[in-house]
Amino acid sequence: GTRPLYNVAGGVNVVNRELFARLGAIAGCEIRVVRDRPAPCPAPISIERMKGEFGWRPRGLLDRLPDLLGEPVPC
């Protein structure tokens, strides 16, 4: 690449609530949040460098979780 730093991400922010719900569905259990308070809104993730220089076409994290986790872990 031409830059010293690249953001390797899907380009879409995922909130913990969505992540925990998806993980729980994959594992067949419910994940309970210990501290449930609103989080500050993070800045959107920019993957423009990766897309422009390398043709980066990521898939979303929530869709990829089953492949990334492999076998379900019992709760």
PDB file of N, CA and C in Angstrom:
ATOM      1  N   GLY A   1       0.797  -1.191   0.000  1.00  0.00           N
ATOM      2  CA  GLY A   1       0.000   0.000   0.000  1.00  0.00           C
ATOM      3  C   GLY A   1       0.844   1.261   0.000  1.00  0.00           C
ATOM      4  N   THR A   2       0.196   2.348  -0.177  1.00  0.00           N
ATOM      5  CA  THR A   2       0.883   3.643  -0.220  1.00  0.00           C
ATOM      6  C   THR A   2       0.820   4.386   1.103  1.00  0.00           C
ATOM      7  N   ARG A   3       0.031   3.915   2.054  1.00  0.00           N
ATOM      8  CA  ARG A   3      -0.131   4.593   3.347  1.00  0.00           C
ATOM      9  C   ARG A   3       0.410   3.714   4.470  1.00  0.00           C
ATOM     10  N   PRO A   4       0.787   4.317   5.609  1.00  0.00           N
ATOM     11  CA  PRO A   4       1.295   3.517   6.730  1.00  0.00           C
ATOM     12  C   PRO A   4       0.182   2.868   7.562  1.00  0.00           C
ATOM     13  N   LEU A   5      -1.071   3.301   7.384  1.00  0.00           N
ATOM     14  CA  LEU A   5      -2.156   2.824   8.235  1.00  0.00           C
ATOM     15  C   LEU A   5      -3.423   2.630   7.426  1.00  0.00           C
ATOM     16  N   TYR A   6      -4.092   1.493   7.645  1.00  0.00           N
ATOM     17  CA  TYR A   6      -5.359   1.196   6.978  1.00  0.00           C
ATOM     18  C   TYR A   6      -6.355   0.682   8.011  1.00  0.00           C
ATOM     19  N   ASN A   7      -7.616   1.039   7.833  1.00  0.00           N
ATOM     20  CA  ASN A   7      -8.672   0.554   8.704  1.00  0.00           C
ATOM     21  C   ASN A   7      -9.257  -0.704   8.067  1.00  0.00           C
ATOM     22  N   VAL A   8      -8.968  -1.855   8.643  1.00  0.00           N
ATOM     23  CA  VAL A   8      -9.477  -3.121   8.127  1.00  0.00           C
ATOM     24  C   VAL A   8     -10.766  -3.413   8.878  1.00  0.00           C
ATOM     25  N   ALA A   9     -11.869  -3.086   8.252  1.00  0.00           N
ATOM     26  CA  ALA A   9     -13.176  -3.239   8.886  1.00  0.00           C
ATOM     27  C   ALA A   9     -14.218  -3.455   7.801  1.00  0.00           C
ATOM     28  N   GLY A  10     -15.450  -3.609   8.240  1.00  0.00           N
ATOM     29  CA  GLY A  10     -16.537  -3.795   7.293  1.00  0.00           C
ATOM     30  C   GLY A  10     -17.165  -2.496   6.831  1.00  0.00           C
ATOM     31  N   GLY A  11     -16.811  -1.392   7.483  1.00  0.00           N
ATOM     32  CA  GLY A  11     -17.362  -0.107   7.091  1.00  0.00           C
ATOM     33  C   GLY A  11     -18.704   0.215   7.713  1.00  0.00           C
ATOM     34  N   VAL A  12     -19.199  -0.665   8.588  1.00  0.00           N
ATOM     35  CA  VAL A  12     -20.481  -0.447   9.252  1.00  0.00           C
ATOM     36  C   VAL A  12     -20.277  -0.680  10.746  1.00  0.00           C
ATOM     37  N   ASN A  13     -20.662   0.298  11.558  1.00  0.00           N
ATOM     38  CA  ASN A  13     -20.564   0.127  13.005  1.00  0.00           C
ATOM     39  C   ASN A  13     -21.603  -0.880  13.492  1.00  0.00           C
ATOM     40  N   VAL A  14     -21.207  -1.698  14.465  1.00  0.00           N
ATOM     41  CA  VAL A  14     -22.105  -2.690  15.065  1.00  0.00           C
ATOM     42  C   VAL A  14     -22.206  -2.378  16.549  1.00  0.00           C
ATOM     43  N   VAL A  15     -23.417  -2.215  17.048  1.00  0.00           N
ATOM     44  CA  VAL A  15     -23.597  -1.944  18.471  1.00  0.00           C
ATOM     45  C   VAL A  15     -23.576  -3.260  19.248  1.00  0.00           C
ATOM     46  N   ASN A  16     -23.179  -3.184  20.508  1.00  0.00           N
ATOM     47  CA  ASN A  16     -23.064  -4.389  21.338  1.00  0.00           C
ATOM     48  C   ASN A  16     -24.361  -5.179  21.387  1.00  0.00           C
ATOM     49  N   ARG A  17     -25.501  -4.488  21.465  1.00  0.00           N
ATOM     50  CA  ARG A  17     -26.795  -5.172  21.540  1.00  0.00           C
ATOM     51  C   ARG A  17     -26.977  -6.117  20.357  1.00  0.00           C
ATOM     52  N   GLU A  18     -26.642  -5.647  19.165  1.00  0.00           N
ATOM     53  CA  GLU A  18     -26.770  -6.486  17.958  1.00  0.00           C
ATOM     54  C   GLU A  18     -25.773  -7.639  17.984  1.00  0.00           C
ATOM     55  N   LEU A  19     -24.549  -7.341  18.388  1.00  0.00           N
ATOM     56  CA  LEU A  19     -23.525  -8.377  18.454  1.00  0.00           C
ATOM     57  C   LEU A  19     -23.895  -9.466  19.452  1.00  0.00           C
ATOM     58  N   PHE A  20     -24.342  -9.076  20.652  1.00  0.00           N
ATOM     59  CA  PHE A  20     -24.715 -10.056  21.674  1.00  0.00           C
ATOM     60  C   PHE A  20     -25.910 -10.894  21.238  1.00  0.00           C
ATOM     61  N   ALA A  21     -26.879 -10.270  20.592  1.00  0.00           N
ATOM     62  CA  ALA A  21     -28.049 -11.018  20.118  1.00  0.00           C
ATOM     63  C   ALA A  21     -27.634 -12.058  19.084  1.00  0.00           C
ATOM     64  N   ARG A  22     -26.759 -11.681  18.172  1.00  0.00           N
ATOM     65  CA  ARG A  22     -26.304 -12.618  17.134  1.00  0.00           C
ATOM     66  C   ARG A  22     -25.459 -13.732  17.724  1.00  0.00           C
ATOM     67  N   LEU A  23     -24.550 -13.400  18.637  1.00  0.00           N
ATOM     68  CA  LEU A  23     -23.744 -14.424  19.302  1.00  0.00           C
ATOM     69  C   LEU A  23     -24.624 -15.401  20.085  1.00  0.00           C
ATOM     70  N   GLY A  24     -25.621 -14.867  20.800  1.00  0.00           N
ATOM     71  CA  GLY A  24     -26.535 -15.722  21.552  1.00  0.00           C
ATOM     72  C   GLY A  24     -27.325 -16.647  20.644  1.00  0.00           C
ATOM     73  N   ALA A  25     -27.774 -16.139  19.504  1.00  0.00           N
ATOM     74  CA  ALA A  25     -28.524 -16.973  18.554  1.00  0.00           C
ATOM     75  C   ALA A  25     -27.649 -18.085  18.001  1.00  0.00           C
ATOM     76  N   ILE A  26     -26.409 -17.794  17.705  1.00  0.00           N
ATOM     77  CA  ILE A  26     -25.495 -18.810  17.182  1.00  0.00           C
ATOM     78  C   ILE A  26     -25.208 -19.876  18.232  1.00  0.00           C
ATOM     79  N   ALA A  27     -24.985 -19.440  19.475  1.00  0.00           N
ATOM     80  CA  ALA A  27     -24.642 -20.367  20.552  1.00  0.00           C
ATOM     81  C   ALA A  27     -25.863 -21.029  21.181  1.00  0.00           C
ATOM     82  N   GLY A  28     -27.066 -20.539  20.864  1.00  0.00           N
ATOM     83  CA  GLY A  28     -28.277 -21.117  21.433  1.00  0.00           C
ATOM     84  C   GLY A  28     -28.504 -20.725  22.876  1.00  0.00           C
ATOM     85  N   CYS A  29     -28.132 -19.509  23.229  1.00  0.00           N
ATOM     86  CA  CYS A  29     -28.324 -19.042  24.598  1.00  0.00           C
ATOM     87  C   CYS A  29     -28.585 -17.539  24.585  1.00  0.00           C
ATOM     88  N   GLU A  30     -28.849 -17.016  25.757  1.00  0.00           N
ATOM     89  CA  GLU A  30     -29.065 -15.579  25.897  1.00  0.00           C
ATOM     90  C   GLU A  30     -27.850 -14.961  26.560  1.00  0.00           C
ATOM     91  N   ILE A  31     -27.366 -13.883  25.995  1.00  0.00           N
ATOM     92  CA  ILE A  31     -26.258 -13.149  26.594  1.00  0.00           C
ATOM     93  C   ILE A  31     -26.839 -11.922  27.275  1.00  0.00           C
ATOM     94  N   ARG A  32     -26.584 -11.803  28.566  1.00  0.00           N
ATOM     95  CA  ARG A  32     -27.118 -10.681  29.327  1.00  0.00           C
ATOM     96  C   ARG A  32     -26.035  -9.632  29.539  1.00  0.00           C
ATOM     97  N   VAL A  33     -26.408  -8.413  29.345  1.00  0.00           N
ATOM     98  CA  VAL A  33     -25.486  -7.290  29.515  1.00  0.00           C
ATOM     99  C   VAL A  33     -25.452  -6.904  30.986  1.00  0.00           C
ATOM    100  N   VAL A  34     -24.271  -6.742  31.515  1.00  0.00           N
ATOM    101  CA  VAL A  34     -24.118  -6.374  32.921  1.00  0.00           C
ATOM    102  C   VAL A  34     -24.431  -4.900  33.120  1.00  0.00           C
ATOM    103  N   ARG A  35     -23.859  -4.064  32.278  1.00  0.00           N
ATOM    104  CA  ARG A  35     -24.112  -2.622  32.352  1.00  0.00           C
ATOM    105  C   ARG A  35     -24.807  -2.209  31.071  1.00  0.00           C
ATOM    106  N   ASP A  36     -26.076  -1.905  31.177  1.00  0.00           N
ATOM    107  CA  ASP A  36     -26.855  -1.543  29.992  1.00  0.00           C
ATOM    108  C   ASP A  36     -27.180  -0.061  30.031  1.00  0.00           C
ATOM    109  N   ARG A  37     -26.300   0.734  29.485  1.00  0.00           N
ATOM    110  CA  ARG A  37     -26.538   2.170  29.407  1.00  0.00           C
ATOM    111  C   ARG A  37     -26.144   2.628  28.006  1.00  0.00           C
ATOM    112  N   PRO A  38     -26.716   3.719  27.580  1.00  0.00           N
ATOM    113  CA  PRO A  38     -26.404   4.196  26.232  1.00  0.00           C
ATOM    114  C   PRO A  38     -24.911   4.496  26.066  1.00  0.00           C
ATOM    115  N   ALA A  39     -24.377   4.053  24.980  1.00  0.00           N
ATOM    116  CA  ALA A  39     -22.979   4.329  24.658  1.00  0.00           C
ATOM    117  C   ALA A  39     -22.909   5.539  23.741  1.00  0.00           C
ATOM    118  N   PRO A  40     -21.823   6.268  23.814  1.00  0.00           N
ATOM    119  CA  PRO A  40     -21.692   7.395  22.886  1.00  0.00           C
ATOM    120  C   PRO A  40     -21.633   6.886  21.453  1.00  0.00           C
ATOM    121  N   CYS A  41     -22.140   7.663  20.550  1.00  0.00           N
ATOM    122  CA  CYS A  41     -22.125   7.279  19.134  1.00  0.00           C
ATOM    123  C   CYS A  41     -20.714   7.425  18.584  1.00  0.00           C
ATOM    124  N   PRO A  42     -20.128   6.320  18.139  1.00  0.00           N
ATOM    125  CA  PRO A  42     -18.781   6.419  17.576  1.00  0.00           C
ATOM    126  C   PRO A  42     -18.826   7.008  16.172  1.00  0.00           C
ATOM    127  N   ALA A  43     -17.701   7.505  15.757  1.00  0.00           N
ATOM    128  CA  ALA A  43     -17.599   8.015  14.391  1.00  0.00           C
ATOM    129  C   ALA A  43     -17.711   6.842  13.421  1.00  0.00           C
ATOM    130  N   PRO A  44     -18.335   7.051  12.275  1.00  0.00           N
ATOM    131  CA  PRO A  44     -18.404   5.968  11.282  1.00  0.00           C
ATOM    132  C   PRO A  44     -17.002   5.517  10.873  1.00  0.00           C
ATOM    133  N   ILE A  45     -16.868   4.245  10.614  1.00  0.00           N
ATOM    134  CA  ILE A  45     -15.594   3.684  10.199  1.00  0.00           C
ATOM    135  C   ILE A  45     -15.418   3.924   8.706  1.00  0.00           C
ATOM    136  N   SER A  46     -14.279   4.475   8.332  1.00  0.00           N
ATOM    137  CA  SER A  46     -13.997   4.717   6.922  1.00  0.00           C
ATOM    138  C   SER A  46     -13.048   3.654   6.398  1.00  0.00           C
ATOM    139  N   ILE A  47     -13.458   2.996   5.344  1.00  0.00           N
ATOM    140  CA  ILE A  47     -12.612   1.991   4.702  1.00  0.00           C
ATOM    141  C   ILE A  47     -12.270   2.415   3.271  1.00  0.00           C
ATOM    142  N   GLU A  48     -12.354   3.707   3.027  1.00  0.00           N
ATOM    143  CA  GLU A  48     -12.128   4.223   1.673  1.00  0.00           C
ATOM    144  C   GLU A  48     -10.722   3.920   1.152  1.00  0.00           C
ATOM    145  N   ARG A  49      -9.714   3.987   2.013  1.00  0.00           N
ATOM    146  CA  ARG A  49      -8.356   3.662   1.562  1.00  0.00           C
ATOM    147  C   ARG A  49      -8.272   2.215   1.089  1.00  0.00           C
ATOM    148  N   MET A  50      -8.827   1.306   1.866  1.00  0.00           N
ATOM    149  CA  MET A  50      -8.784  -0.116   1.501  1.00  0.00           C
ATOM    150  C   MET A  50      -9.561  -0.367   0.212  1.00  0.00           C
ATOM    151  N   LYS A  51     -10.717   0.249   0.093  1.00  0.00           N
ATOM    152  CA  LYS A  51     -11.519   0.071  -1.111  1.00  0.00           C
ATOM    153  C   LYS A  51     -10.809   0.631  -2.336  1.00  0.00           C
ATOM    154  N   GLY A  52     -10.255   1.840  -2.199  1.00  0.00           N
ATOM    155  CA  GLY A  52      -9.620   2.499  -3.327  1.00  0.00           C
ATOM    156  C   GLY A  52      -8.333   1.840  -3.793  1.00  0.00           C
ATOM    157  N   GLU A  53      -7.497   1.450  -2.849  1.00  0.00           N
ATOM    158  CA  GLU A  53      -6.190   0.901  -3.221  1.00  0.00           C
ATOM    159  C   GLU A  53      -6.213  -0.597  -3.509  1.00  0.00           C
ATOM    160  N   PHE A  54      -7.077  -1.334  -2.805  1.00  0.00           N
ATOM    161  CA  PHE A  54      -7.030  -2.793  -2.908  1.00  0.00           C
ATOM    162  C   PHE A  54      -8.327  -3.424  -3.406  1.00  0.00           C
ATOM    163  N   GLY A  55      -9.349  -2.601  -3.688  1.00  0.00           N
ATOM    164  CA  GLY A  55     -10.627  -3.168  -4.112  1.00  0.00           C
ATOM    165  C   GLY A  55     -11.343  -3.912  -2.986  1.00  0.00           C
ATOM    166  N   TRP A  56     -11.099  -3.500  -1.755  1.00  0.00           N
ATOM    167  CA  TRP A  56     -11.677  -4.141  -0.550  1.00  0.00           C
ATOM    168  C   TRP A  56     -13.194  -4.140  -0.619  1.00  0.00           C
ATOM    169  N   ARG A  57     -13.812  -5.294  -0.544  1.00  0.00           N
ATOM    170  CA  ARG A  57     -15.264  -5.444  -0.550  1.00  0.00           C
ATOM    171  C   ARG A  57     -15.653  -6.352   0.620  1.00  0.00           C
ATOM    172  N   PRO A  58     -15.710  -5.777   1.822  1.00  0.00           N
ATOM    173  CA  PRO A  58     -15.954  -6.598   3.015  1.00  0.00           C
ATOM    174  C   PRO A  58     -17.386  -7.077   3.120  1.00  0.00           C
ATOM    175  N   ARG A  59     -17.538  -8.141   3.895  1.00  0.00           N
ATOM    176  CA  ARG A  59     -18.863  -8.623   4.273  1.00  0.00           C
ATOM    177  C   ARG A  59     -19.093  -8.214   5.725  1.00  0.00           C
ATOM    178  N   GLY A  60     -20.333  -8.047   6.103  1.00  0.00           N
ATOM    179  CA  GLY A  60     -20.662  -7.580   7.446  1.00  0.00           C
ATOM    180  C   GLY A  60     -20.294  -8.573   8.537  1.00  0.00           C
ATOM    181  N   LEU A  61     -19.899  -8.049   9.689  1.00  0.00           N
ATOM    182  CA  LEU A  61     -19.507  -8.876  10.824  1.00  0.00           C
ATOM    183  C   LEU A  61     -20.620  -9.820  11.255  1.00  0.00           C
ATOM    184  N   LEU A  62     -21.831  -9.307  11.409  1.00  0.00           N
ATOM    185  CA  LEU A  62     -22.923 -10.140  11.914  1.00  0.00           C
ATOM    186  C   LEU A  62     -23.205 -11.313  10.983  1.00  0.00           C
ATOM    187  N   ASP A  63     -23.056 -11.109   9.686  1.00  0.00           N
ATOM    188  CA  ASP A  63     -23.255 -12.199   8.730  1.00  0.00           C
ATOM    189  C   ASP A  63     -22.107 -13.199   8.759  1.00  0.00           C
ATOM    190  N   ARG A  64     -20.919 -12.755   9.094  1.00  0.00           N
ATOM    191  CA  ARG A  64     -19.715 -13.601   9.086  1.00  0.00           C
ATOM    192  C   ARG A  64     -19.475 -14.339  10.398  1.00  0.00           C
ATOM    193  N   LEU A  65     -20.188 -13.984  11.459  1.00  0.00           N
ATOM    194  CA  LEU A  65     -19.912 -14.583  12.771  1.00  0.00           C
ATOM    195  C   LEU A  65     -19.910 -16.104  12.776  1.00  0.00           C
ATOM    196  N   PRO A  66     -20.880 -16.777  12.171  1.00  0.00           N
ATOM    197  CA  PRO A  66     -20.827 -18.244  12.212  1.00  0.00           C
ATOM    198  C   PRO A  66     -19.533 -18.803  11.628  1.00  0.00           C
ATOM    199  N   ASP A  67     -19.067 -18.262  10.530  1.00  0.00           N
ATOM    200  CA  ASP A  67     -17.818 -18.730   9.935  1.00  0.00           C
ATOM    201  C   ASP A  67     -16.618 -18.399  10.803  1.00  0.00           C
ATOM    202  N   LEU A  68     -16.622 -17.228  11.408  1.00  0.00           N
ATOM    203  CA  LEU A  68     -15.506 -16.793  12.240  1.00  0.00           C
ATOM    204  C   LEU A  68     -15.406 -17.606  13.528  1.00  0.00           C
ATOM    205  N   LEU A  69     -16.548 -18.002  14.072  1.00  0.00           N
ATOM    206  CA  LEU A  69     -16.555 -18.717  15.357  1.00  0.00           C
ATOM    207  C   LEU A  69     -16.340 -20.220  15.209  1.00  0.00           C
ATOM    208  N   GLY A  70     -16.649 -20.770  14.055  1.00  0.00           N
ATOM    209  CA  GLY A  70     -16.527 -22.210  13.890  1.00  0.00           C
ATOM    210  C   GLY A  70     -17.639 -22.919  14.649  1.00  0.00           C
ATOM    211  N   GLU A  71     -17.284 -23.909  15.439  1.00  0.00           N
ATOM    212  CA  GLU A  71     -18.274 -24.664  16.214  1.00  0.00           C
ATOM    213  C   GLU A  71     -18.842 -23.814  17.331  1.00  0.00           C
ATOM    214  N   PRO A  72     -20.159 -23.907  17.596  1.00  0.00           N
ATOM    215  CA  PRO A  72     -20.754 -23.132  18.695  1.00  0.00           C
ATOM    216  C   PRO A  72     -20.158 -23.520  20.040  1.00  0.00           C
ATOM    217  N   VAL A  73     -20.021 -22.542  20.893  1.00  0.00           N
ATOM    218  CA  VAL A  73     -19.532 -22.768  22.256  1.00  0.00           C
ATOM    219  C   VAL A  73     -20.736 -22.836  23.163  1.00  0.00           C
ATOM    220  N   PRO A  74     -20.880 -23.908  23.948  1.00  0.00           N
ATOM    221  CA  PRO A  74     -22.053 -23.977  24.846  1.00  0.00           C
ATOM    222  C   PRO A  74     -22.010 -22.886  25.898  1.00  0.00           C
ATOM    223  N   CYS A  75     -23.188 -22.380  26.246  1.00  0.00           N
ATOM    224  CA  CYS A  75     -23.288 -21.319  27.255  1.00  0.00           C
ATOM    225  C   CYS A  75     -23.295 -21.906  28.652  1.00  0.00           C
TER     226      CYS A  75
END
